[in-house]
Amino acid sequence: MFKVPPVPAQRLPELLRQMPKAELHIHIEGSLEPELIFALAQRNGVALPYADVESLRRAYAFTNLQSFLDIYYAGASVLLHEQDFYDMAWAYFERAAADNVVHAELFFDPQTHTERGVTMATVVHGLHRACVDAGQKLGVNASLILCFLRHLSEESAFETLEQALPFRDKFISVGLDSSELGHPPEKFARVFARCKELGLHLVAHAGEEGPPAYIWSALDVLKVERIDHGVQAVHDAALMQRLAQDRIALTVCPLSNQKLCVFPDLADHNLGKLLEAGLAATVNSDDPAYFGGYINDNFTQVFAATGLTARHAYQLAFNSFEASFAGNADKRAWEHKLKETFERCVEHDY
């Protein structure tokens, strides 16, 4: 591992912004900014229960995961056509490129759209086209992760998988998201087993609001390769040891955790504790339009609140590449670029 040189505290925010990074926990529907929601609503003739952009933004006052999801699904109602999905993803990619994201794995929720009569083809083609263009025009390598909504049935998840299989070449993984409490991972054991047979990568949200037991189930029943969130793992010493030993990455989302009152004060966030325990934690933005910031906002704010250092920054970025589903050649190239960024920071002022 590269020995990270000391970096003065005043230069750390710029280093956080400049360093290359991968984003592994971004719900693309959660990047839908109020301005774009209103633009798409106007384009598609969709009536919104808000007078203007500011009244919608004021409604972003969440007390828990469910209160957020209620408004999240309302925002998604403006997405009707392939170009809508492209425009949403492209807006995210432009922000990601500005934040020096070199690789992004985007979650998308097809059931949110197919239940409204939008076809799977419309969703996937729009998002995939944006991924291709992001690589060609912005230098952001990108892929898609199809998520099942855990508040719906496993039968609905199977139906969604069947609808998606004609587009199997356009997504690399499946995930599990939405309301965690009351919907343990084992509810989806059979559909994840089928996805594993199909050669898809497997990830799942666990241990955000749910208990450590949900993380165990995600690992042992669903056989996932990454845990999305996972911050509740600190309450189970044996689980912490398992995650560290097996290098199971956690895709942590600090501003989301703060906004949803998992850690009401960002200074109390356990990101540093996870890293010091040897876990492969990463930093991500989750639903940035709703939670107050994209990936660099998450980095700069959690570092400012907790006193994390350049050593932690390097480890988090390195972990993001290692935990990604990208090829080894790409990982090595990004890690080399990361090392160069840190060396340049020590030698010169930005």
Protein backbone atom coordinates (compact mmCIF):
# COMPACT_ATOMS: atom_id res chain seq x y z
CA MET A 1 0.00 0.00 0.00
CA PHE A 2 1.18 3.50 -0.89
CA LYS A 3 2.53 5.39 2.13
CA VAL A 4 0.40 8.52 2.24
CA PRO A 5 2.43 11.66 3.01
CA PRO A 6 1.02 14.13 5.54
CA VAL A 7 -1.21 16.80 4.03
CA PRO A 8 -1.93 20.09 5.83
CA ALA A 9 -5.54 20.31 7.01
CA GLN A 10 -6.20 23.44 4.94
CA ARG A 11 -5.27 21.59 1.74
CA LEU A 12 -7.32 18.50 2.47
CA PRO A 13 -10.66 19.74 1.00
CA GLU A 14 -9.04 20.42 -2.36
CA LEU A 15 -7.32 17.05 -2.32
CA LEU A 16 -10.67 15.38 -1.63
CA ARG A 17 -12.16 17.15 -4.63
CA GLN A 18 -9.23 16.45 -6.96
CA MET A 19 -8.61 12.79 -6.20
CA PRO A 20 -10.08 10.24 -8.63
CA LYS A 21 -12.79 8.08 -7.10
CA ALA A 22 -15.50 5.55 -7.90
CA GLU A 23 -19.12 5.95 -6.86
CA LEU A 24 -20.77 2.63 -6.00
CA HIS A 25 -23.96 3.77 -4.26
CA ILE A 26 -25.96 6.23 -6.33
CA HIS A 27 -29.69 5.82 -7.00
CA ILE A 28 -30.08 7.53 -10.33
CA GLU A 29 -33.69 8.46 -9.58
CA GLY A 30 -32.35 10.10 -6.43
CA SER A 31 -30.20 12.46 -8.52
CA LEU A 32 -33.32 14.07 -9.98
CA GLU A 33 -33.02 17.72 -8.98
CA PRO A 34 -36.19 19.83 -8.48
CA GLU A 35 -35.34 21.95 -11.53
CA LEU A 36 -35.23 18.88 -13.77
CA ILE A 37 -38.37 17.43 -12.16
CA PHE A 38 -40.26 20.59 -13.14
CA ALA A 39 -38.72 20.69 -16.62
CA LEU A 40 -39.72 17.08 -17.29
CA ALA A 41 -43.17 17.60 -15.78
CA GLN A 42 -43.72 20.49 -18.19
CA ARG A 43 -42.34 18.52 -21.14
CA ASN A 44 -44.56 15.52 -20.37
CA GLY A 45 -47.68 17.33 -19.15
CA VAL A 46 -47.45 15.87 -15.63
CA ALA A 47 -49.14 17.83 -12.83
CA LEU A 48 -47.08 18.16 -9.64
CA PRO A 49 -48.50 18.85 -6.15
CA TYR A 50 -45.99 21.69 -5.69
CA ALA A 51 -46.29 25.28 -6.92
CA ASP A 52 -42.66 25.72 -7.90
CA VAL A 53 -39.09 24.48 -7.52
CA GLU A 54 -38.61 26.11 -4.12
CA SER A 55 -41.78 24.65 -2.60
CA LEU A 56 -40.66 21.20 -3.75
CA ARG A 57 -37.20 21.73 -2.30
CA ARG A 58 -38.74 22.82 1.01
CA ALA A 59 -40.60 19.49 1.11
CA TYR A 60 -37.25 17.71 1.38
CA ALA A 61 -37.55 17.50 5.18
CA PHE A 62 -37.21 13.85 6.09
CA THR A 63 -37.30 12.19 9.48
CA ASN A 64 -36.66 8.61 8.36
CA LEU A 65 -36.25 6.42 5.31
CA GLN A 66 -39.98 6.05 4.64
CA SER A 67 -40.72 9.78 4.70
CA PHE A 68 -37.97 10.22 2.11
CA LEU A 69 -39.25 7.38 -0.09
CA ASP A 70 -42.72 8.90 -0.25
CA ILE A 71 -41.45 12.05 -1.96
CA TYR A 72 -38.82 10.12 -3.94
CA TYR A 73 -41.49 8.08 -5.72
CA ALA A 74 -43.56 11.20 -6.37
CA GLY A 75 -40.56 12.83 -8.08
CA ALA A 76 -40.07 9.79 -10.31
CA SER A 77 -43.58 10.22 -11.74
CA VAL A 78 -42.24 12.71 -14.33
CA LEU A 79 -40.07 10.03 -15.97
CA LEU A 80 -42.05 8.67 -18.91
CA HIS A 81 -39.88 8.48 -22.03
CA GLU A 82 -36.44 7.14 -22.93
CA GLN A 83 -35.09 10.68 -23.28
CA ASP A 84 -36.24 11.50 -19.73
CA PHE A 85 -34.11 8.69 -18.32
CA TYR A 86 -31.20 9.76 -20.50
CA ASP A 87 -31.47 13.39 -19.38
CA MET A 88 -31.62 12.40 -15.71
CA ALA A 89 -28.54 10.19 -15.97
CA TRP A 90 -26.63 12.70 -18.10
CA ALA A 91 -27.19 15.44 -15.51
CA TYR A 92 -25.69 13.12 -12.88
CA PHE A 93 -22.71 12.21 -15.08
CA GLU A 94 -21.84 15.87 -15.68
CA ARG A 95 -21.74 16.42 -11.90
CA ALA A 96 -19.80 13.19 -11.39
CA ALA A 97 -17.17 14.20 -13.93
CA ALA A 98 -16.79 17.57 -12.19
CA ASP A 99 -16.23 15.67 -8.92
CA ASN A 100 -13.49 13.53 -10.53
CA VAL A 101 -15.55 10.35 -10.46
CA VAL A 102 -13.86 8.03 -12.96
CA HIS A 103 -16.22 5.08 -12.46
CA ALA A 104 -19.86 4.94 -11.43
CA GLU A 105 -22.20 2.01 -10.85
CA LEU A 106 -25.75 3.34 -10.98
CA PHE A 107 -28.68 1.79 -9.14
CA PHE A 108 -32.02 2.01 -10.93
CA ASP A 109 -35.48 0.91 -9.76
CA PRO A 110 -37.46 -0.47 -12.72
CA GLN A 111 -40.50 -1.37 -10.59
CA THR A 112 -40.96 2.32 -9.77
CA HIS A 113 -41.52 2.87 -13.49
CA THR A 114 -43.07 -0.36 -14.81
CA GLU A 115 -45.83 -0.04 -12.19
CA ARG A 116 -46.70 3.26 -13.88
CA GLY A 117 -46.87 1.67 -17.33
CA VAL A 118 -43.36 2.67 -18.44
CA THR A 119 -41.69 -0.24 -20.23
CA MET A 120 -38.44 -1.87 -19.13
CA ALA A 121 -37.00 -1.08 -22.57
CA THR A 122 -37.70 2.64 -22.09
CA VAL A 123 -35.90 2.69 -18.74
CA VAL A 124 -32.90 0.58 -19.68
CA HIS A 125 -32.25 2.06 -23.11
CA GLY A 126 -32.34 5.64 -21.79
CA LEU A 127 -29.98 4.92 -18.91
CA HIS A 128 -27.62 2.73 -20.91
CA ARG A 129 -27.30 5.30 -23.70
CA ALA A 130 -26.26 7.88 -21.11
CA CYS A 131 -23.69 5.44 -19.68
CA VAL A 132 -22.14 4.94 -23.11
CA ASP A 133 -22.01 8.68 -23.76
CA ALA A 134 -20.53 9.33 -20.29
CA GLY A 135 -17.59 7.08 -21.16
CA GLN A 136 -17.07 8.58 -24.59
CA LYS A 137 -17.65 12.27 -23.85
CA LEU A 138 -16.84 12.72 -20.15
CA GLY A 139 -14.35 9.95 -19.39
CA VAL A 140 -16.64 8.46 -16.74
CA ASN A 141 -16.76 4.68 -16.96
CA ALA A 142 -20.31 3.62 -16.03
CA SER A 143 -22.54 0.59 -15.60
CA LEU A 144 -26.00 -0.24 -14.26
CA ILE A 145 -27.27 -2.18 -11.25
CA LEU A 146 -30.92 -3.24 -11.38
CA CYS A 147 -32.51 -2.99 -7.92
CA PHE A 148 -35.53 -4.85 -6.58
CA LEU A 149 -37.84 -2.90 -4.27
CA ARG A 150 -37.90 -4.80 -0.99
CA HIS A 151 -41.32 -3.50 0.12
CA LEU A 152 -42.79 -5.39 -2.86
CA SER A 153 -43.00 -9.17 -3.10
CA GLU A 154 -40.38 -11.62 -4.28
CA GLU A 155 -42.87 -12.59 -6.99
CA SER A 156 -42.75 -9.02 -8.27
CA ALA A 157 -38.94 -9.18 -8.20
CA PHE A 158 -39.01 -12.36 -10.31
CA GLU A 159 -41.36 -10.67 -12.80
CA THR A 160 -39.00 -7.70 -12.99
CA LEU A 161 -36.02 -9.97 -13.59
CA GLU A 162 -37.83 -11.72 -16.44
CA GLN A 163 -38.72 -8.37 -18.01
CA ALA A 164 -35.08 -7.30 -17.75
CA LEU A 165 -33.43 -10.43 -19.17
CA PRO A 166 -33.75 -9.31 -22.83
CA PHE A 167 -31.45 -6.44 -21.78
CA ARG A 168 -29.02 -8.61 -19.82
CA ASP A 169 -26.05 -7.11 -21.66
CA LYS A 170 -26.90 -3.64 -20.36
CA PHE A 171 -26.66 -4.23 -16.59
CA ILE A 172 -23.97 -5.95 -14.55
CA SER A 173 -25.56 -6.57 -11.17
CA VAL A 174 -28.74 -6.70 -9.11
CA GLY A 175 -29.37 -5.00 -5.79
CA LEU A 176 -32.02 -4.66 -3.10
CA ASP A 177 -33.29 -1.28 -1.89
CA SER A 178 -36.29 0.67 -0.54
CA SER A 179 -37.84 0.29 2.96
CA GLU A 180 -35.46 -1.83 5.01
CA LEU A 181 -37.26 -2.35 8.33
CA GLY A 182 -39.66 -5.28 8.18
CA HIS A 183 -38.24 -6.56 4.91
CA PRO A 184 -35.27 -8.80 5.73
CA PRO A 185 -32.94 -9.93 2.92
CA GLU A 186 -34.06 -13.58 3.14
CA LYS A 187 -37.41 -12.49 1.68
CA PHE A 188 -35.55 -12.42 -1.67
CA ALA A 189 -33.42 -15.56 -1.31
CA ARG A 190 -34.73 -17.38 -4.39
CA VAL A 191 -34.55 -14.46 -6.80
CA PHE A 192 -30.96 -13.71 -5.73
CA ALA A 193 -30.07 -17.38 -6.21
CA ARG A 194 -31.44 -17.15 -9.74
CA CYS A 195 -29.45 -13.98 -10.41
CA LYS A 196 -26.29 -15.71 -9.19
CA GLU A 197 -26.96 -18.55 -11.65
CA LEU A 198 -27.22 -15.93 -14.41
CA GLY A 199 -23.74 -14.67 -13.55
CA LEU A 200 -24.85 -11.28 -12.22
CA HIS A 201 -23.00 -9.51 -9.44
CA LEU A 202 -25.00 -9.28 -6.22
CA VAL A 203 -25.30 -6.37 -3.75
CA ALA A 204 -27.92 -5.39 -1.17
CA HIS A 205 -28.84 -2.56 1.17
CA ALA A 206 -28.46 -3.80 4.74
CA GLY A 207 -27.69 -2.28 8.11
CA GLU A 208 -28.75 1.29 7.37
CA GLU A 209 -31.78 1.36 9.66
CA GLY A 210 -32.00 -2.42 9.93
CA PRO A 211 -30.04 -4.50 12.47
CA PRO A 212 -26.70 -6.30 12.00
CA ALA A 213 -28.72 -9.50 11.47
CA TYR A 214 -29.80 -8.11 8.10
CA ILE A 215 -26.15 -7.82 7.08
CA TRP A 216 -25.52 -11.44 8.09
CA SER A 217 -28.54 -12.49 6.00
CA ALA A 218 -27.39 -10.47 3.00
CA LEU A 219 -24.01 -12.22 3.17
CA ASP A 220 -25.08 -15.77 4.02
CA VAL A 221 -28.51 -16.05 2.39
CA LEU A 222 -28.29 -13.70 -0.59
CA LYS A 223 -24.52 -14.27 -1.08
CA VAL A 224 -23.88 -10.61 -1.87
CA GLU A 225 -20.43 -9.28 -2.76
CA ARG A 226 -20.97 -5.79 -1.29
CA ILE A 227 -23.10 -4.32 1.48
CA ASP A 228 -24.81 -1.02 0.72
CA HIS A 229 -24.71 1.20 3.84
CA GLY A 230 -23.80 -1.36 6.53
CA VAL A 231 -23.09 1.23 9.24
CA GLN A 232 -24.97 -0.79 11.89
CA ALA A 233 -22.27 -3.47 11.66
CA VAL A 234 -20.37 -1.74 14.48
CA HIS A 235 -22.87 -3.21 16.97
CA ASP A 236 -21.70 -6.77 16.22
CA ALA A 237 -18.01 -7.54 16.83
CA ALA A 238 -18.14 -10.90 15.04
CA LEU A 239 -19.71 -9.26 12.00
CA MET A 240 -17.04 -6.55 11.94
CA GLN A 241 -14.38 -9.24 11.96
CA ARG A 242 -16.12 -11.10 9.13
CA LEU A 243 -16.43 -7.98 6.98
CA ALA A 244 -12.78 -7.07 7.52
CA GLN A 245 -11.46 -10.58 6.96
CA ASP A 246 -13.45 -11.19 3.76
CA ARG A 247 -12.90 -7.63 2.45
CA ILE A 248 -16.64 -7.12 2.00
CA ALA A 249 -16.98 -3.49 0.97
CA LEU A 250 -19.48 -1.14 2.59
CA THR A 251 -20.88 1.63 0.39
CA VAL A 252 -21.35 4.29 3.08
CA CYS A 253 -23.36 7.47 2.44
CA PRO A 254 -22.62 10.05 5.17
CA LEU A 255 -24.99 12.88 4.20
CA SER A 256 -27.80 10.38 3.65
CA ASN A 257 -27.16 8.94 7.12
CA GLN A 258 -27.35 12.43 8.58
CA LYS A 259 -30.47 13.47 6.64
CA LEU A 260 -32.34 10.29 7.62
CA CYS A 261 -31.26 10.63 11.27
CA VAL A 262 -29.09 7.49 11.34
CA PHE A 263 -26.41 9.87 12.66
CA PRO A 264 -28.22 13.18 13.34
CA ASP A 265 -24.84 14.83 13.94
CA LEU A 266 -22.26 14.14 11.24
CA ALA A 267 -19.51 14.45 13.88
CA ASP A 268 -20.81 11.17 15.33
CA HIS A 269 -20.54 9.25 12.05
CA ASN A 270 -18.66 5.95 12.40
CA LEU A 271 -16.83 6.05 9.03
CA GLY A 272 -13.48 6.45 10.78
CA LYS A 273 -14.25 3.58 13.14
CA LEU A 274 -15.06 1.32 10.17
CA LEU A 275 -11.77 2.18 8.47
CA GLU A 276 -9.71 1.73 11.63
CA ALA A 277 -11.27 -1.72 12.08
CA GLY A 278 -9.92 -2.67 8.66
CA LEU A 279 -13.21 -2.60 6.76
CA ALA A 280 -13.30 -1.71 3.07
CA ALA A 281 -15.56 1.31 3.53
CA THR A 282 -16.25 3.72 0.67
CA VAL A 283 -17.95 7.14 0.44
CA ASN A 284 -20.95 7.70 -1.83
CA SER A 285 -23.88 10.08 -2.31
CA ASP A 286 -26.93 7.74 -2.29
CA ASP A 287 -29.73 10.16 -3.36
CA PRO A 288 -27.81 13.42 -3.77
CA ALA A 289 -30.66 15.63 -4.97
CA TYR A 290 -32.56 14.85 -1.78
CA PHE A 291 -29.76 14.53 0.78
CA GLY A 292 -27.86 17.74 0.24
CA GLY A 293 -24.82 16.79 -1.79
CA TYR A 294 -22.99 14.78 -4.42
CA ILE A 295 -19.93 12.66 -3.72
CA ASN A 296 -17.45 15.49 -3.09
CA ASP A 297 -19.91 17.14 -0.70
CA ASN A 298 -20.04 13.85 1.21
CA PHE A 299 -16.25 13.67 1.37
CA THR A 300 -15.62 17.26 2.41
CA GLN A 301 -18.42 17.47 4.97
CA VAL A 302 -17.75 14.16 6.74
CA PHE A 303 -14.01 14.89 6.84
CA ALA A 304 -14.60 18.35 8.27
CA ALA A 305 -16.98 16.98 10.90
CA THR A 306 -14.93 13.97 12.01
CA GLY A 307 -11.30 15.00 11.54
CA LEU A 308 -10.43 12.23 9.09
CA THR A 309 -7.04 12.67 7.39
CA ALA A 310 -5.35 12.30 4.01
CA ARG A 311 -4.54 8.69 4.91
CA HIS A 312 -8.25 7.97 5.26
CA ALA A 313 -8.98 9.79 2.01
CA TYR A 314 -6.52 7.65 0.09
CA GLN A 315 -7.90 4.47 1.66
CA LEU A 316 -11.51 5.38 0.83
CA ALA A 317 -10.72 6.15 -2.81
CA PHE A 318 -8.56 3.03 -3.12
CA ASN A 319 -11.35 0.93 -1.58
CA SER A 320 -13.84 2.34 -4.09
CA PHE A 321 -11.77 1.06 -7.01
CA GLU A 322 -11.09 -2.33 -5.43
CA ALA A 323 -14.76 -2.83 -4.52
CA SER A 324 -16.02 -1.89 -7.98
CA PHE A 325 -17.04 -4.43 -10.60
CA ALA A 326 -14.64 -2.91 -13.13
CA GLY A 327 -11.85 -4.89 -14.75
CA ASN A 328 -8.44 -5.23 -13.11
CA ALA A 329 -6.66 -3.16 -15.76
CA ASP A 330 -9.00 -0.23 -15.13
CA LYS A 331 -8.58 -0.59 -11.35
CA ARG A 332 -4.78 -0.49 -11.60
CA ALA A 333 -4.91 2.57 -13.88
CA TRP A 334 -7.20 4.46 -11.47
CA GLU A 335 -5.08 3.49 -8.47
CA HIS A 336 -1.98 4.81 -10.26
CA LYS A 337 -3.80 8.06 -10.99
CA LEU A 338 -4.83 8.26 -7.31
CA LYS A 339 -1.23 7.84 -6.17
CA GLU A 340 -0.07 10.54 -8.61
CA THR A 341 -2.72 12.95 -7.28
CA PHE A 342 -1.48 12.53 -3.71
CA GLU A 343 2.17 12.90 -4.72
CA ARG A 344 1.36 16.06 -6.67
CA CYS A 345 -0.52 17.47 -3.68
CA VAL A 346 2.60 17.18 -1.53
CA GLU A 347 4.93 18.65 -4.17
CA HIS A 348 2.80 21.59 -5.31
CA ASP A 349 -0.07 23.76 -4.25
CA TYR A 350 -3.17 23.23 -6.36
